[in-house]
Amino acid sequence: MEFSTVLTNAAVTDLHAAVAYYNDKLPGLGLRMFNETDKAISRISAQPLSFSRRFEEVRACKVANFPYLVFYFPDVNTRTITILRIFNEWQQPVHKEIATTK
């Protein structure tokens, strides 16, 4: 049974910014980035504990074909995944940024 998924406002903002960035580079590329991120979130929902821990209980999943990581918090008790942030791998996410979005 899959977990339900909730995106924080920060994660939605991150995703919109990434999609806009890629669409500016090449029309349609933003949609590809969105679709790959959606696939990553589906993988997380199906197997939330299979991805590596990054900060305490926060885990991260790589977005295929793009340099992005989806940071999330799995709550086994409520069977809920909270998508905290979606960062470019070249960014250095600060523990505080991740922790304040939980």
C-alpha atoms as a PDB file:
ATOM      1  CA  MET A   1       0.000   0.000   0.000  1.00  0.00           C
ATOM      2  CA  GLU A   2       1.391   3.354  -1.034  1.00  0.00           C
ATOM      3  CA  PHE A   3       1.742   6.350   1.235  1.00  0.00           C
ATOM      4  CA  SER A   4      -0.209   9.549   0.582  1.00  0.00           C
ATOM      5  CA  THR A   5       1.902  12.513  -0.472  1.00  0.00           C
ATOM      6  CA  VAL A   6       1.765  16.163   0.542  1.00  0.00           C
ATOM      7  CA  LEU A   7       3.966  18.912  -0.907  1.00  0.00           C
ATOM      8  CA  THR A   8       4.914  21.887   1.234  1.00  0.00           C
ATOM      9  CA  ASN A   9       4.542  25.375  -0.225  1.00  0.00           C
ATOM     10  CA  ALA A  10       8.333  25.553  -0.396  1.00  0.00           C
ATOM     11  CA  ALA A  11       8.483  22.368  -2.493  1.00  0.00           C
ATOM     12  CA  VAL A  12       5.817  23.677  -4.869  1.00  0.00           C
ATOM     13  CA  THR A  13       7.759  26.939  -5.225  1.00  0.00           C
ATOM     14  CA  ASP A  14      10.981  24.994  -5.874  1.00  0.00           C
ATOM     15  CA  LEU A  15       9.291  22.891  -8.560  1.00  0.00           C
ATOM     16  CA  HIS A  16       7.697  25.893 -10.286  1.00  0.00           C
ATOM     17  CA  ALA A  17      11.051  27.696 -10.360  1.00  0.00           C
ATOM     18  CA  ALA A  18      12.819  24.658 -11.831  1.00  0.00           C
ATOM     19  CA  VAL A  19      10.144  24.141 -14.487  1.00  0.00           C
ATOM     20  CA  ALA A  20      10.295  27.832 -15.460  1.00  0.00           C
ATOM     21  CA  TYR A  21      14.098  27.703 -15.622  1.00  0.00           C
ATOM     22  CA  TYR A  22      14.095  24.707 -17.967  1.00  0.00           C
ATOM     23  CA  ASN A  23      11.295  26.114 -20.130  1.00  0.00           C
ATOM     24  CA  ASP A  24      13.377  29.275 -20.575  1.00  0.00           C
ATOM     25  CA  LYS A  25      16.294  27.113 -21.725  1.00  0.00           C
ATOM     26  CA  LEU A  26      14.231  25.033 -24.151  1.00  0.00           C
ATOM     27  CA  PRO A  27      10.455  25.007 -24.625  1.00  0.00           C
ATOM     28  CA  GLY A  28       9.058  21.714 -23.344  1.00  0.00           C
ATOM     29  CA  LEU A  29      12.084  20.898 -21.208  1.00  0.00           C
ATOM     30  CA  GLY A  30      10.285  22.173 -18.119  1.00  0.00           C
ATOM     31  CA  LEU A  31       7.490  19.666 -18.724  1.00  0.00           C
ATOM     32  CA  ARG A  32      10.063  16.868 -18.938  1.00  0.00           C
ATOM     33  CA  MET A  33      11.555  18.034 -15.642  1.00  0.00           C
ATOM     34  CA  PHE A  34       8.091  18.123 -14.059  1.00  0.00           C
ATOM     35  CA  ASN A  35       7.307  14.605 -15.317  1.00  0.00           C
ATOM     36  CA  GLU A  36      10.606  13.191 -13.999  1.00  0.00           C
ATOM     37  CA  THR A  37       9.978  14.842 -10.630  1.00  0.00           C
ATOM     38  CA  ASP A  38       6.488  13.331 -10.579  1.00  0.00           C
ATOM     39  CA  LYS A  39       8.004   9.902 -11.261  1.00  0.00           C
ATOM     40  CA  ALA A  40      10.480  10.403  -8.397  1.00  0.00           C
ATOM     41  CA  ILE A  41       7.624  11.291  -6.056  1.00  0.00           C
ATOM     42  CA  SER A  42       5.762   8.149  -7.190  1.00  0.00           C
ATOM     43  CA  ARG A  43       8.863   6.050  -6.405  1.00  0.00           C
ATOM     44  CA  ILE A  44       9.053   7.691  -2.984  1.00  0.00           C
ATOM     45  CA  SER A  45       5.381   6.965  -2.337  1.00  0.00           C
ATOM     46  CA  ALA A  46       5.797   3.319  -3.293  1.00  0.00           C
ATOM     47  CA  GLN A  47       8.984   2.730  -1.259  1.00  0.00           C
ATOM     48  CA  PRO A  48       9.492   5.627   1.151  1.00  0.00           C
ATOM     49  CA  LEU A  49      12.147   3.993   3.311  1.00  0.00           C
ATOM     50  CA  SER A  50      14.378   2.814   0.471  1.00  0.00           C
ATOM     51  CA  PHE A  51      16.105   6.159  -0.167  1.00  0.00           C
ATOM     52  CA  SER A  52      19.042   7.494   1.812  1.00  0.00           C
ATOM     53  CA  ARG A  53      18.716   9.612   4.923  1.00  0.00           C
ATOM     54  CA  ARG A  54      20.240  13.055   4.604  1.00  0.00           C
ATOM     55  CA  PHE A  55      19.299  14.886   7.821  1.00  0.00           C
ATOM     56  CA  GLU A  56      17.858  13.020  10.802  1.00  0.00           C
ATOM     57  CA  GLU A  57      14.693  11.412   9.361  1.00  0.00           C
ATOM     58  CA  VAL A  58      14.710  13.451   6.136  1.00  0.00           C
ATOM     59  CA  ARG A  59      15.465  11.391   3.055  1.00  0.00           C
ATOM     60  CA  ALA A  60      16.284  12.289  -0.551  1.00  0.00           C
ATOM     61  CA  CYS A  61      15.479  10.801  -3.947  1.00  0.00           C
ATOM     62  CA  LYS A  62      17.263  11.720  -7.193  1.00  0.00           C
ATOM     63  CA  VAL A  63      15.193  13.051 -10.093  1.00  0.00           C
ATOM     64  CA  ALA A  64      16.185  11.093 -13.219  1.00  0.00           C
ATOM     65  CA  ASN A  65      17.885  13.041 -16.030  1.00  0.00           C
ATOM     66  CA  PHE A  66      17.989  16.294 -14.028  1.00  0.00           C
ATOM     67  CA  PRO A  67      20.336  17.456 -11.248  1.00  0.00           C
ATOM     68  CA  TYR A  68      17.606  17.613  -8.602  1.00  0.00           C
ATOM     69  CA  LEU A  69      16.890  15.868  -5.317  1.00  0.00           C
ATOM     70  CA  VAL A  70      13.474  15.543  -3.706  1.00  0.00           C
ATOM     71  CA  PHE A  71      13.816  15.899   0.075  1.00  0.00           C
ATOM     72  CA  TYR A  72      11.011  14.299   2.047  1.00  0.00           C
ATOM     73  CA  PHE A  73       9.906  13.129   5.457  1.00  0.00           C
ATOM     74  CA  PRO A  74       8.151   9.751   5.683  1.00  0.00           C
ATOM     75  CA  ASP A  75       5.685   9.307   8.552  1.00  0.00           C
ATOM     76  CA  VAL A  76       5.192   5.562   8.907  1.00  0.00           C
ATOM     77  CA  ASN A  77       2.451   5.958  11.522  1.00  0.00           C
ATOM     78  CA  THR A  78       0.174   8.078   9.319  1.00  0.00           C
ATOM     79  CA  ARG A  79       1.477   6.587   6.048  1.00  0.00           C
ATOM     80  CA  THR A  80       2.156  10.100   4.781  1.00  0.00           C
ATOM     81  CA  ILE A  81       5.078  11.473   2.809  1.00  0.00           C
ATOM     82  CA  THR A  82       5.770  15.190   3.190  1.00  0.00           C
ATOM     83  CA  ILE A  83       7.804  16.560   0.298  1.00  0.00           C
ATOM     84  CA  LEU A  84       9.853  19.275   1.991  1.00  0.00           C
ATOM     85  CA  ARG A  85      11.982  20.763  -0.790  1.00  0.00           C
ATOM     86  CA  ILE A  86      13.178  20.069  -4.328  1.00  0.00           C
ATOM     87  CA  PHE A  87      16.767  21.255  -4.614  1.00  0.00           C
ATOM     88  CA  ASN A  88      19.269  21.382  -7.428  1.00  0.00           C
ATOM     89  CA  GLU A  89      22.133  19.042  -6.490  1.00  0.00           C
ATOM     90  CA  TRP A  90      24.556  21.913  -6.985  1.00  0.00           C
ATOM     91  CA  GLN A  91      22.835  23.875  -4.226  1.00  0.00           C
ATOM     92  CA  GLN A  92      23.949  23.242  -0.678  1.00  0.00           C
ATOM     93  CA  PRO A  93      20.733  22.763   1.284  1.00  0.00           C
ATOM     94  CA  VAL A  94      21.160  23.883   4.849  1.00  0.00           C
ATOM     95  CA  HIS A  95      19.774  21.660   7.589  1.00  0.00           C
ATOM     96  CA  LYS A  96      17.809  24.660   8.846  1.00  0.00           C
ATOM     97  CA  GLU A  97      16.059  25.133   5.482  1.00  0.00           C
ATOM     98  CA  ILE A  98      14.943  21.499   5.451  1.00  0.00           C
ATOM     99  CA  ALA A  99      14.002  21.366   9.127  1.00  0.00           C
ATOM    100  CA  THR A 100      11.855  24.508   9.045  1.00  0.00           C
ATOM    101  CA  THR A 101       9.644  23.093   6.297  1.00  0.00           C
ATOM    102  CA  LYS A 102       8.655  19.937   8.250  1.00  0.00           C
END
